[in-house]
N, C-alpha and C. Protein backbone atom coordinates (compact mmCIF):
# COMPACT_ATOMS: atom_id res chain seq x y z
N UNK A 1 45.78 50.13 -3.36
CA UNK A 1 44.74 49.09 -3.78
C UNK A 1 45.63 47.99 -4.43
N UNK A 2 45.26 46.71 -4.14
CA UNK A 2 46.01 45.61 -4.70
C UNK A 2 45.59 45.30 -6.20
N UNK A 3 44.36 45.45 -6.39
CA UNK A 3 43.82 44.97 -7.69
C UNK A 3 43.30 46.30 -8.50
N UNK A 4 43.17 46.17 -9.73
CA UNK A 4 42.57 47.10 -10.63
C UNK A 4 41.13 47.39 -10.28
N UNK A 5 40.41 48.44 -10.70
CA UNK A 5 39.06 48.51 -10.53
C UNK A 5 38.36 47.49 -11.16
N UNK A 6 37.05 46.94 -10.86
CA UNK A 6 36.44 45.93 -11.62
C UNK A 6 36.40 46.07 -13.10
N UNK A 7 36.12 47.31 -13.56
CA UNK A 7 36.02 47.57 -15.03
C UNK A 7 37.31 47.60 -15.75
N UNK A 8 38.36 47.56 -15.07
CA UNK A 8 39.67 47.77 -15.73
C UNK A 8 39.94 46.58 -16.70
N UNK A 9 40.33 46.98 -17.89
CA UNK A 9 40.61 45.71 -18.85
C UNK A 9 42.24 45.65 -19.01
N UNK A 10 42.64 44.58 -18.91
CA UNK A 10 44.17 44.29 -19.10
C UNK A 10 44.64 44.63 -20.37
N UNK A 11 45.84 45.04 -20.51
CA UNK A 11 46.47 45.37 -21.85
C UNK A 11 46.71 44.28 -22.75
N UNK A 12 45.94 44.03 -23.85
CA UNK A 12 46.13 42.99 -24.75
C UNK A 12 47.05 43.38 -25.92
N UNK A 13 47.94 42.34 -26.34
CA UNK A 13 48.87 42.58 -27.40
C UNK A 13 48.55 41.53 -28.48
N UNK A 14 48.43 41.98 -29.63
CA UNK A 14 48.31 40.98 -30.78
C UNK A 14 49.52 40.17 -31.04
N UNK A 15 49.26 38.90 -31.39
CA UNK A 15 50.47 37.97 -31.66
C UNK A 15 51.49 38.65 -32.66
N UNK A 16 50.83 39.50 -33.69
CA UNK A 16 51.83 40.03 -34.54
C UNK A 16 52.73 41.13 -33.93
N UNK A 17 52.41 41.46 -32.90
CA UNK A 17 53.22 42.67 -32.29
C UNK A 17 54.14 42.11 -31.22
N UNK A 18 54.16 40.77 -30.99
CA UNK A 18 55.27 40.33 -30.18
C UNK A 18 56.51 40.25 -31.02
N UNK A 19 57.67 40.57 -30.26
CA UNK A 19 58.83 40.82 -30.93
C UNK A 19 59.83 39.77 -30.55
N UNK A 20 60.92 39.34 -31.35
CA UNK A 20 61.91 38.47 -31.17
C UNK A 20 62.73 38.95 -29.96
N UNK A 21 62.74 37.83 -29.01
CA UNK A 21 63.44 38.19 -27.69
C UNK A 21 62.35 38.46 -26.72
N UNK A 22 61.16 38.61 -26.95
CA UNK A 22 60.23 38.84 -25.77
C UNK A 22 60.05 37.51 -25.05
N UNK A 23 59.79 37.50 -23.80
CA UNK A 23 59.74 36.41 -22.89
C UNK A 23 58.33 36.10 -22.68
N UNK A 24 57.78 34.86 -22.95
CA UNK A 24 56.38 34.63 -22.90
C UNK A 24 56.23 33.63 -21.71
N UNK A 25 55.40 34.09 -20.69
CA UNK A 25 54.98 33.16 -19.55
C UNK A 25 53.65 32.72 -19.73
N UNK A 26 53.45 31.37 -19.72
CA UNK A 26 52.23 30.56 -19.99
C UNK A 26 51.47 30.45 -18.69
N UNK A 27 50.18 30.95 -18.50
CA UNK A 27 49.26 30.66 -17.50
C UNK A 27 48.10 29.75 -17.83
N UNK A 28 48.10 28.72 -17.15
CA UNK A 28 46.98 27.72 -17.27
C UNK A 28 46.34 27.50 -15.82
N UNK A 29 45.15 27.60 -15.76
CA UNK A 29 44.42 27.47 -14.45
C UNK A 29 44.72 26.12 -13.75
N UNK A 30 44.81 25.05 -14.58
CA UNK A 30 45.05 23.62 -14.08
C UNK A 30 46.39 23.53 -13.44
N UNK A 31 47.38 24.47 -13.82
CA UNK A 31 48.72 24.20 -13.33
C UNK A 31 49.20 25.31 -12.50
N UNK A 32 48.39 26.41 -12.35
CA UNK A 32 48.68 27.62 -11.62
C UNK A 32 49.27 27.42 -10.22
N UNK A 33 48.78 26.30 -9.61
CA UNK A 33 49.02 26.10 -8.14
C UNK A 33 50.32 25.23 -7.94
N UNK A 34 50.90 24.79 -9.02
CA UNK A 34 52.17 23.82 -8.97
C UNK A 34 53.22 24.74 -8.37
N UNK A 35 54.26 23.81 -7.77
CA UNK A 35 55.34 24.38 -7.21
C UNK A 35 56.17 25.22 -8.14
N UNK A 36 56.49 24.83 -9.43
CA UNK A 36 57.23 25.73 -10.23
C UNK A 36 56.48 27.03 -10.68
N UNK A 37 55.16 27.16 -10.47
CA UNK A 37 54.34 28.27 -10.82
C UNK A 37 54.23 29.19 -9.66
N UNK A 38 54.64 28.93 -8.60
CA UNK A 38 54.75 29.74 -7.49
C UNK A 38 55.91 30.88 -7.57
N UNK A 39 55.71 32.08 -6.97
CA UNK A 39 54.44 32.58 -6.50
C UNK A 39 53.68 33.31 -7.51
N UNK A 40 53.98 33.46 -8.86
CA UNK A 40 53.36 34.06 -9.90
C UNK A 40 52.19 33.52 -10.42
N UNK A 41 52.10 32.09 -10.46
CA UNK A 41 51.08 31.36 -10.90
C UNK A 41 51.19 31.00 -12.39
N UNK A 42 52.60 31.40 -13.05
CA UNK A 42 52.97 31.00 -14.31
C UNK A 42 53.82 29.72 -14.22
N UNK A 43 53.38 28.63 -15.05
CA UNK A 43 54.06 27.27 -14.90
C UNK A 43 55.03 27.03 -16.05
N UNK A 44 55.01 28.01 -17.08
CA UNK A 44 55.78 27.74 -18.27
C UNK A 44 56.36 29.13 -18.88
N UNK A 45 57.46 28.94 -19.51
CA UNK A 45 58.15 30.11 -20.03
C UNK A 45 58.74 29.72 -21.56
N UNK A 46 58.65 30.49 -22.46
CA UNK A 46 59.32 30.41 -23.79
C UNK A 46 59.70 31.69 -24.21
N UNK A 47 60.51 31.67 -25.46
CA UNK A 47 60.98 32.93 -25.81
C UNK A 47 60.57 33.13 -27.39
N UNK A 48 60.11 34.29 -27.75
CA UNK A 48 59.68 34.46 -29.04
C UNK A 48 60.80 34.63 -30.00
N UNK A 49 60.59 34.15 -31.21
CA UNK A 49 61.43 34.30 -32.29
C UNK A 49 60.59 35.28 -33.31
N UNK A 50 61.35 35.66 -34.58
CA UNK A 50 60.53 36.36 -35.42
C UNK A 50 59.38 35.55 -36.08
N UNK A 51 58.51 36.26 -36.82
CA UNK A 51 57.44 35.75 -37.56
C UNK A 51 56.40 34.95 -36.66
N UNK A 52 56.17 35.32 -35.42
CA UNK A 52 55.23 34.61 -34.57
C UNK A 52 55.54 33.16 -34.26
N UNK A 53 56.94 33.00 -34.20
CA UNK A 53 57.34 31.62 -33.84
C UNK A 53 57.91 31.74 -32.49
N UNK A 54 57.96 30.56 -31.66
CA UNK A 54 58.42 30.58 -30.42
C UNK A 54 59.42 29.30 -30.10
N UNK A 55 60.30 29.57 -29.27
CA UNK A 55 61.22 28.38 -28.89
C UNK A 55 60.87 28.15 -27.56
N UNK A 56 60.61 26.76 -27.28
CA UNK A 56 60.16 26.29 -26.02
C UNK A 56 60.70 24.97 -25.74
N UNK A 57 60.69 24.54 -24.46
CA UNK A 57 61.10 23.18 -23.97
C UNK A 57 59.81 22.65 -23.29
N UNK A 58 59.26 21.56 -23.66
CA UNK A 58 58.15 20.85 -23.15
C UNK A 58 58.55 19.46 -22.72
N UNK A 59 57.55 18.72 -22.36
CA UNK A 59 57.92 17.22 -21.99
C UNK A 59 58.17 16.37 -23.48
N UNK A 60 57.87 17.07 -24.47
CA UNK A 60 57.96 16.49 -25.85
C UNK A 60 59.42 16.87 -26.33
N UNK A 61 60.15 17.66 -25.71
CA UNK A 61 61.47 18.19 -26.06
C UNK A 61 61.52 19.53 -26.47
N UNK A 62 62.72 20.01 -27.01
CA UNK A 62 62.85 21.50 -27.46
C UNK A 62 62.34 21.62 -28.95
N UNK A 63 61.51 22.60 -29.10
CA UNK A 63 60.91 22.74 -30.49
C UNK A 63 60.60 24.10 -30.70
N UNK A 64 60.60 24.50 -31.99
CA UNK A 64 60.12 25.73 -32.50
C UNK A 64 58.83 25.70 -32.97
N UNK A 65 57.84 26.38 -32.23
CA UNK A 65 56.42 26.21 -32.72
C UNK A 65 55.82 27.63 -33.00
N UNK A 66 54.56 27.62 -33.37
CA UNK A 66 53.82 28.80 -33.57
C UNK A 66 53.28 29.32 -32.34
N UNK A 67 53.09 30.68 -32.30
CA UNK A 67 52.48 31.28 -30.90
C UNK A 67 51.03 30.58 -30.81
N UNK A 68 50.31 30.33 -31.85
CA UNK A 68 48.88 29.68 -31.95
C UNK A 68 49.02 28.35 -31.15
N UNK A 69 50.16 27.65 -31.52
CA UNK A 69 50.21 26.21 -30.82
C UNK A 69 50.67 26.45 -29.33
N UNK A 70 51.38 27.42 -29.01
CA UNK A 70 51.56 27.64 -27.54
C UNK A 70 50.30 28.07 -26.87
N UNK A 71 49.41 28.82 -27.42
CA UNK A 71 48.11 29.25 -26.76
C UNK A 71 47.12 28.12 -26.66
N UNK A 72 47.40 27.07 -27.33
CA UNK A 72 46.57 25.86 -27.27
C UNK A 72 46.55 25.27 -25.89
N UNK A 73 47.89 25.47 -25.25
CA UNK A 73 47.92 24.91 -23.74
C UNK A 73 47.75 25.82 -22.64
N UNK A 74 47.68 27.12 -23.06
CA UNK A 74 47.61 28.02 -21.90
C UNK A 74 46.55 29.17 -22.21
N UNK A 75 45.94 29.50 -21.16
CA UNK A 75 44.59 30.48 -21.10
C UNK A 75 45.28 32.02 -21.58
N UNK A 76 46.32 32.19 -21.22
CA UNK A 76 46.99 33.49 -21.80
C UNK A 76 48.63 33.53 -21.50
N UNK A 77 49.10 34.40 -22.12
CA UNK A 77 50.70 34.63 -22.07
C UNK A 77 50.80 36.06 -21.56
N UNK A 78 51.73 36.07 -20.52
CA UNK A 78 52.18 37.38 -20.15
C UNK A 78 53.55 37.72 -21.06
N UNK A 79 53.52 38.86 -21.42
CA UNK A 79 54.89 39.11 -22.43
C UNK A 79 55.75 40.16 -21.57
N UNK A 80 57.05 39.75 -21.51
CA UNK A 80 58.08 40.62 -20.94
C UNK A 80 58.91 41.11 -22.17
N UNK A 81 59.26 42.33 -22.12
CA UNK A 81 60.18 42.85 -23.09
C UNK A 81 61.23 43.76 -22.48
N UNK A 82 62.49 43.71 -23.19
CA UNK A 82 63.56 44.48 -22.75
C UNK A 82 63.90 45.45 -23.90
N UNK A 83 63.39 46.69 -23.76
CA UNK A 83 63.40 47.71 -25.05
C UNK A 83 65.07 47.99 -25.23
N UNK A 84 65.41 47.78 -26.43
CA UNK A 84 66.88 48.08 -26.81
C UNK A 84 67.73 46.88 -26.69
N UNK A 85 67.31 45.88 -26.13
CA UNK A 85 68.28 44.77 -25.86
C UNK A 85 68.54 43.89 -27.07
N UNK A 86 67.33 43.53 -27.75
CA UNK A 86 67.62 42.56 -28.92
C UNK A 86 67.68 43.37 -30.31
N UNK A 87 68.88 43.76 -30.52
CA UNK A 87 69.19 44.30 -31.81
C UNK A 87 69.37 43.23 -32.77
N UNK A 88 69.59 43.58 -33.99
CA UNK A 88 69.54 42.69 -35.16
C UNK A 88 70.61 41.54 -34.88
N UNK A 89 71.90 41.75 -34.34
CA UNK A 89 72.69 40.74 -34.09
C UNK A 89 72.32 39.69 -33.13
N UNK A 90 71.83 40.30 -31.99
CA UNK A 90 71.33 39.29 -31.09
C UNK A 90 70.09 38.48 -31.50
N UNK A 91 69.22 39.04 -32.28
CA UNK A 91 68.15 38.35 -32.79
C UNK A 91 68.62 37.26 -33.73
N UNK A 92 69.72 37.50 -34.40
CA UNK A 92 70.32 36.53 -35.45
C UNK A 92 70.84 35.34 -34.52
N UNK A 93 71.55 35.88 -33.44
CA UNK A 93 72.16 34.83 -32.55
C UNK A 93 71.08 33.83 -31.85
N UNK A 94 69.90 34.56 -31.55
CA UNK A 94 68.77 33.82 -31.01
C UNK A 94 68.23 32.84 -31.92
N UNK A 95 68.21 33.23 -33.21
CA UNK A 95 67.61 32.39 -34.14
C UNK A 95 68.55 31.10 -34.45
N UNK A 96 69.88 31.45 -34.44
CA UNK A 96 70.91 30.27 -34.46
C UNK A 96 70.66 29.46 -33.34
N UNK A 97 70.62 29.92 -32.22
CA UNK A 97 70.53 29.06 -30.99
C UNK A 97 69.30 28.26 -31.04
N UNK A 98 68.19 28.80 -31.53
CA UNK A 98 66.84 28.11 -31.63
C UNK A 98 67.08 26.90 -32.50
N UNK A 99 67.61 27.12 -33.58
CA UNK A 99 67.68 26.03 -34.64
C UNK A 99 68.65 25.02 -34.17
N UNK A 100 69.88 25.31 -33.50
CA UNK A 100 70.75 24.37 -32.97
C UNK A 100 70.29 23.43 -31.79
N UNK A 101 69.28 24.11 -30.99
CA UNK A 101 68.81 23.38 -29.75
C UNK A 101 67.61 22.61 -30.12
N UNK A 102 66.81 22.93 -31.30
CA UNK A 102 65.63 22.24 -31.62
C UNK A 102 65.82 20.71 -31.76
N UNK A 103 64.92 19.98 -31.11
CA UNK A 103 65.01 18.40 -31.14
C UNK A 103 65.73 17.81 -30.00
N UNK A 104 66.26 18.66 -29.11
CA UNK A 104 66.94 18.21 -27.92
C UNK A 104 65.86 17.68 -26.87
N UNK A 105 66.16 16.75 -26.13
CA UNK A 105 65.13 16.17 -25.05
C UNK A 105 64.81 17.20 -23.78
N UNK A 106 63.65 16.92 -23.29
CA UNK A 106 63.38 17.61 -22.19
C UNK A 106 64.13 17.17 -20.94
N UNK A 107 64.55 18.19 -20.02
CA UNK A 107 65.35 17.83 -18.89
C UNK A 107 64.46 17.58 -17.73
N UNK A 108 63.75 16.47 -17.78
CA UNK A 108 62.83 16.18 -16.49
C UNK A 108 63.59 16.04 -15.15
N UNK A 109 64.77 15.37 -15.17
CA UNK A 109 65.39 15.23 -13.92
C UNK A 109 65.92 16.57 -13.43
N UNK A 110 66.40 17.43 -14.39
CA UNK A 110 66.96 18.81 -13.94
C UNK A 110 65.77 19.64 -13.33
N UNK A 111 64.68 19.54 -14.01
CA UNK A 111 63.53 20.35 -13.50
C UNK A 111 63.15 19.99 -11.96
N UNK A 112 63.28 18.64 -11.75
CA UNK A 112 62.97 18.19 -10.47
C UNK A 112 63.99 18.63 -9.37
N UNK A 113 65.02 18.71 -9.82
CA UNK A 113 66.26 19.18 -8.89
C UNK A 113 66.36 20.78 -8.68
N UNK A 114 65.48 21.47 -9.21
CA UNK A 114 65.77 22.97 -9.08
C UNK A 114 65.72 23.47 -7.74
N UNK A 115 64.78 23.01 -6.83
CA UNK A 115 64.72 23.68 -5.44
C UNK A 115 66.07 23.23 -4.68
N UNK A 116 66.57 21.96 -4.77
CA UNK A 116 67.86 21.63 -4.17
C UNK A 116 68.92 22.35 -4.66
N UNK A 117 69.00 22.46 -6.03
CA UNK A 117 70.13 23.19 -6.65
C UNK A 117 70.10 24.57 -6.38
N UNK A 118 68.99 25.24 -6.24
CA UNK A 118 68.80 26.48 -5.84
C UNK A 118 69.41 26.99 -4.52
N UNK A 119 69.18 26.14 -3.54
CA UNK A 119 69.61 26.20 -2.21
C UNK A 119 71.20 26.09 -2.23
N UNK A 120 71.75 24.99 -2.90
CA UNK A 120 73.12 24.93 -2.98
C UNK A 120 73.85 26.02 -3.72
N UNK A 121 73.20 26.50 -4.73
CA UNK A 121 73.64 27.60 -5.62
C UNK A 121 73.83 28.84 -4.70
N UNK A 122 72.86 29.10 -3.92
CA UNK A 122 73.02 30.29 -3.09
C UNK A 122 74.02 30.21 -2.23
N UNK A 123 74.38 29.04 -1.55
CA UNK A 123 75.48 28.80 -0.81
C UNK A 123 76.66 28.84 -1.44
N UNK A 124 76.86 28.56 -2.67
CA UNK A 124 78.14 28.58 -3.41
C UNK A 124 78.41 29.90 -4.08
N UNK A 125 77.52 30.71 -4.33
CA UNK A 125 77.62 31.83 -5.12
C UNK A 125 78.85 32.71 -4.79
N UNK A 126 78.94 32.93 -3.47
CA UNK A 126 79.94 33.91 -2.98
C UNK A 126 81.40 33.38 -3.23
N UNK A 127 81.45 32.03 -3.33
CA UNK A 127 82.66 31.29 -3.63
C UNK A 127 83.10 31.28 -5.11
N UNK A 128 82.11 31.36 -5.99
CA UNK A 128 82.22 31.12 -7.45
C UNK A 128 82.60 32.54 -8.00
N UNK A 129 82.05 33.49 -7.55
CA UNK A 129 82.17 34.86 -8.08
C UNK A 129 83.73 35.40 -7.98
N UNK A 130 84.31 35.24 -6.90
CA UNK A 130 85.81 35.64 -6.78
C UNK A 130 86.59 34.57 -7.68
N UNK A 131 86.28 33.37 -7.61
CA UNK A 131 87.03 32.45 -8.58
C UNK A 131 87.03 32.76 -10.02
N UNK A 132 85.68 33.16 -10.43
CA UNK A 132 85.46 33.60 -11.85
C UNK A 132 86.49 34.76 -12.18
N UNK A 133 86.52 35.78 -11.24
CA UNK A 133 87.42 36.96 -11.56
C UNK A 133 88.86 36.65 -11.49
N UNK A 134 89.27 35.56 -10.71
CA UNK A 134 90.71 35.22 -10.75
C UNK A 134 91.10 34.06 -11.68
N UNK A 135 90.12 33.66 -12.44
CA UNK A 135 90.40 32.82 -13.65
C UNK A 135 90.39 31.22 -13.17
N UNK A 136 90.00 30.90 -11.98
CA UNK A 136 89.94 29.54 -11.62
C UNK A 136 88.40 28.89 -11.69
N UNK A 137 87.46 29.72 -12.20
CA UNK A 137 86.21 29.02 -12.29
C UNK A 137 85.54 29.68 -13.59
N UNK A 138 84.96 28.69 -14.37
CA UNK A 138 84.27 29.06 -15.66
C UNK A 138 82.94 28.47 -15.64
N UNK A 139 81.91 29.36 -15.72
CA UNK A 139 80.44 28.98 -15.93
C UNK A 139 80.30 27.91 -17.05
N UNK A 140 79.27 26.95 -16.76
CA UNK A 140 79.02 26.08 -17.82
C UNK A 140 78.49 26.75 -19.08
N UNK A 141 78.86 26.25 -20.20
CA UNK A 141 78.36 26.98 -21.51
C UNK A 141 76.86 26.64 -21.53
N UNK A 142 76.21 27.66 -22.30
CA UNK A 142 74.74 27.68 -22.41
C UNK A 142 74.20 26.52 -23.21
N UNK A 143 74.90 25.90 -24.15
CA UNK A 143 74.56 24.81 -24.98
C UNK A 143 74.67 23.49 -24.05
N UNK A 144 73.38 22.93 -23.86
CA UNK A 144 73.44 21.70 -22.97
C UNK A 144 72.70 20.56 -23.76
N UNK A 145 72.71 19.39 -23.21
CA UNK A 145 72.22 18.19 -23.75
C UNK A 145 70.68 18.16 -23.72
N UNK A 146 70.10 18.78 -22.81
CA UNK A 146 68.66 18.79 -22.57
C UNK A 146 68.21 19.97 -21.71
N UNK A 147 66.92 20.26 -21.87
CA UNK A 147 66.51 21.58 -21.16
C UNK A 147 65.11 21.52 -20.57
N UNK A 148 64.86 22.05 -19.49
CA UNK A 148 63.46 22.37 -19.17
C UNK A 148 63.15 23.78 -19.57
N UNK A 149 61.89 24.18 -19.46
CA UNK A 149 61.42 25.38 -20.15
C UNK A 149 62.28 26.61 -19.70
N UNK A 150 62.42 26.95 -18.33
CA UNK A 150 63.10 28.10 -17.94
C UNK A 150 64.64 28.01 -18.17
N UNK A 151 65.14 26.84 -18.19
CA UNK A 151 66.55 26.61 -18.44
C UNK A 151 66.98 27.06 -19.86
N UNK A 152 65.98 26.70 -20.60
CA UNK A 152 66.25 26.91 -22.15
C UNK A 152 66.26 28.44 -22.36
N UNK A 153 65.26 29.25 -21.87
CA UNK A 153 65.12 30.70 -22.08
C UNK A 153 66.36 31.39 -21.44
N UNK A 154 66.76 30.92 -20.28
CA UNK A 154 67.92 31.68 -19.74
C UNK A 154 69.17 31.39 -20.59
N UNK A 155 69.32 30.13 -21.04
CA UNK A 155 70.44 29.70 -21.73
C UNK A 155 70.43 30.65 -23.19
N UNK A 156 69.25 30.82 -23.78
CA UNK A 156 69.38 31.63 -25.04
C UNK A 156 69.58 33.07 -24.60
N UNK A 157 69.21 33.60 -23.37
CA UNK A 157 69.83 34.92 -23.03
C UNK A 157 71.49 35.04 -22.85
N UNK A 158 71.74 34.03 -22.40
CA UNK A 158 73.30 33.92 -22.18
C UNK A 158 74.17 33.70 -23.64
N UNK A 159 73.54 32.89 -24.47
CA UNK A 159 74.07 32.55 -25.72
C UNK A 159 74.18 33.70 -26.64
N UNK A 160 73.02 34.65 -26.46
CA UNK A 160 72.98 35.87 -27.26
C UNK A 160 73.72 37.02 -26.52
N UNK A 161 74.45 36.83 -25.47
CA UNK A 161 75.18 37.81 -24.77
C UNK A 161 74.32 38.92 -24.16
N UNK A 162 73.06 38.44 -23.91
CA UNK A 162 72.16 39.45 -23.09
C UNK A 162 72.57 39.25 -21.65
N UNK A 163 73.09 38.15 -21.25
CA UNK A 163 73.61 37.94 -19.96
C UNK A 163 75.08 37.52 -20.00
N UNK A 164 75.90 38.30 -19.36
CA UNK A 164 77.38 37.95 -19.41
C UNK A 164 77.82 36.77 -18.77
N UNK A 165 79.02 36.49 -19.02
CA UNK A 165 79.50 35.24 -18.40
C UNK A 165 79.39 35.28 -16.88
N UNK A 166 79.85 36.65 -16.41
CA UNK A 166 79.81 37.00 -14.96
C UNK A 166 78.44 36.88 -14.55
N UNK A 167 77.53 37.50 -15.24
CA UNK A 167 75.95 37.39 -14.77
C UNK A 167 75.39 35.95 -14.79
N UNK A 168 75.95 35.17 -15.61
CA UNK A 168 75.39 33.76 -15.66
C UNK A 168 75.78 32.94 -14.47
N UNK A 169 76.73 33.32 -13.66
CA UNK A 169 77.02 32.75 -12.37
C UNK A 169 75.92 32.94 -11.45
N UNK A 170 75.29 34.13 -11.35
CA UNK A 170 74.23 34.32 -10.56
C UNK A 170 72.91 33.77 -11.11
N UNK A 171 72.90 34.00 -12.36
CA UNK A 171 71.56 33.56 -13.16
C UNK A 171 71.83 32.22 -13.84
N UNK A 172 72.11 31.18 -13.07
CA UNK A 172 72.34 30.01 -13.60
C UNK A 172 71.19 29.31 -14.21
N UNK A 173 71.12 28.86 -15.52
CA UNK A 173 69.97 28.22 -16.13
C UNK A 173 69.34 27.21 -15.27
N UNK A 174 70.15 26.43 -14.62
CA UNK A 174 69.64 25.17 -13.99
C UNK A 174 68.96 25.49 -12.61
N UNK A 175 69.02 26.56 -12.17
CA UNK A 175 68.34 27.02 -10.85
C UNK A 175 67.25 27.84 -11.01
N UNK A 176 66.77 28.26 -12.06
CA UNK A 176 65.69 29.37 -12.29
C UNK A 176 64.51 28.74 -12.81
N UNK A 177 63.45 29.09 -12.23
CA UNK A 177 62.03 28.73 -12.50
C UNK A 177 61.43 29.75 -13.36
N UNK A 178 60.16 29.42 -13.98
CA UNK A 178 59.47 30.43 -14.69
C UNK A 178 58.99 31.67 -13.72
N UNK A 179 58.60 31.38 -12.58
CA UNK A 179 58.35 32.52 -11.66
C UNK A 179 59.55 33.45 -11.43
N UNK A 180 60.69 32.77 -11.42
CA UNK A 180 61.97 33.46 -11.16
C UNK A 180 62.23 34.37 -12.32
N UNK A 181 61.96 33.94 -13.52
CA UNK A 181 62.16 34.86 -14.75
C UNK A 181 61.07 36.06 -14.66
N UNK A 182 59.88 35.68 -14.32
CA UNK A 182 58.97 36.63 -14.15
C UNK A 182 59.17 37.83 -13.19
N UNK A 183 59.93 37.62 -12.23
CA UNK A 183 60.31 38.45 -11.23
C UNK A 183 61.62 39.19 -11.55
N UNK A 184 62.34 38.71 -12.37
CA UNK A 184 63.58 39.46 -12.62
C UNK A 184 63.61 40.28 -13.91
N UNK A 185 63.89 41.59 -13.69
CA UNK A 185 63.90 42.49 -14.68
C UNK A 185 65.03 42.34 -15.74
N UNK A 186 66.00 41.40 -15.45
CA UNK A 186 67.04 41.09 -16.52
C UNK A 186 66.23 40.49 -17.79
N UNK A 187 65.10 39.84 -17.52
CA UNK A 187 64.23 39.28 -18.70
C UNK A 187 63.19 40.11 -19.32
N UNK A 188 63.16 41.38 -18.74
CA UNK A 188 62.19 42.29 -19.42
C UNK A 188 61.11 42.70 -18.32
N UNK A 189 60.44 43.73 -18.95
CA UNK A 189 59.35 44.40 -18.23
C UNK A 189 58.02 43.96 -18.90
N UNK A 190 57.04 43.78 -17.96
CA UNK A 190 55.66 43.35 -18.39
C UNK A 190 55.13 44.55 -19.28
N UNK A 191 54.65 43.97 -20.50
CA UNK A 191 54.13 44.93 -21.58
C UNK A 191 52.68 44.60 -21.93
N UNK A 192 52.22 43.40 -21.43
CA UNK A 192 50.68 43.18 -21.91
C UNK A 192 50.59 41.54 -21.93
N UNK A 193 49.55 41.22 -22.39
CA UNK A 193 49.11 39.90 -22.49
C UNK A 193 48.62 39.45 -23.91
N UNK A 194 49.05 38.17 -24.40
CA UNK A 194 48.38 37.71 -25.55
C UNK A 194 47.51 36.61 -25.12
N UNK A 195 46.28 36.66 -25.68
CA UNK A 195 45.11 35.67 -25.33
C UNK A 195 44.68 34.95 -26.35
N UNK A 196 43.82 34.06 -26.20
CA UNK A 196 43.27 33.26 -27.39
C UNK A 196 42.29 34.07 -28.20
N UNK A 197 41.55 34.85 -27.52
CA UNK A 197 40.53 35.85 -28.15
C UNK A 197 40.37 37.05 -27.46
N UNK A 198 39.96 38.07 -28.13
CA UNK A 198 39.67 39.48 -27.40
C UNK A 198 38.63 39.31 -26.43
N UNK A 199 37.86 38.29 -26.47
CA UNK A 199 36.67 38.22 -25.34
C UNK A 199 37.22 37.54 -24.00
N UNK A 200 38.44 37.03 -24.01
CA UNK A 200 39.09 36.40 -22.80
C UNK A 200 39.31 37.54 -21.85
N UNK A 201 39.02 37.22 -20.56
CA UNK A 201 39.48 38.24 -19.59
C UNK A 201 40.49 37.53 -18.61
N UNK A 202 41.63 38.21 -18.61
CA UNK A 202 42.72 37.86 -17.63
C UNK A 202 42.14 37.96 -16.19
N UNK A 203 42.35 36.87 -15.35
CA UNK A 203 41.91 36.94 -14.08
C UNK A 203 42.40 38.11 -13.37
N UNK A 204 41.42 38.63 -12.34
CA UNK A 204 41.99 39.82 -11.64
C UNK A 204 43.09 39.52 -10.62
N UNK A 205 43.15 38.36 -10.23
CA UNK A 205 44.29 37.88 -9.33
C UNK A 205 45.66 37.69 -10.08
N UNK A 206 45.60 37.79 -11.39
CA UNK A 206 46.91 37.55 -12.21
C UNK A 206 47.94 38.37 -11.52
N UNK A 207 49.19 37.98 -11.35
CA UNK A 207 50.28 38.73 -10.76
C UNK A 207 50.50 40.08 -11.44
N UNK A 208 50.51 40.21 -12.73
CA UNK A 208 50.90 41.30 -13.45
C UNK A 208 49.69 42.33 -13.44
N UNK A 209 48.50 41.91 -13.33
CA UNK A 209 47.35 42.73 -13.22
C UNK A 209 47.37 43.40 -11.85
N UNK A 210 47.74 42.65 -10.89
CA UNK A 210 47.74 43.37 -9.54
C UNK A 210 48.86 44.53 -9.45
N UNK A 211 49.82 44.37 -10.20
CA UNK A 211 51.01 45.35 -9.92
C UNK A 211 51.19 46.20 -11.06
N UNK A 212 50.15 46.39 -12.05
CA UNK A 212 50.22 47.47 -13.21
C UNK A 212 50.36 48.93 -12.54
């Protein structure tokens, strides 16, 4: 069966139970059909910090906001978690990364180039990997001048050493969309939803409800 039974209620998580390092995918009905939202239907991604704060990149730029603020723009958030990955040292590195990147501009041009870059990246990948191991290729640093949302989240994982230098060749921040993050277990496993209220019902067609 593709979908849960009609009476099934999706697992809801309280905002206070979201952990630093959790990945938050934002679903809004108005943008669920856009290219960057396919095939999952999620058009935005951010990463949780401690104390119900969130690091995100929007058209207004990179900022640390509250989870309440994030939920103003999205009907619900899908929470991805990597148990055991975000220890105290990595959480501290994430916090430093968030502070150092806050205020940088949104990478509008880069976001528009993701489809073309992804195609070229796939073609170049087999050439870059051996060059990395023989010392003739170095992946770009995670610290960039501007970011789109998924680029920022992947860069945070790389900066905190959750993704190694070798891994960053395949998981290049500039070629990954929110849907890519939602499908790649590198960024965590689905653990539930954060919603605006307990009365909100996550749509039955939501990607994560379908595959619980």
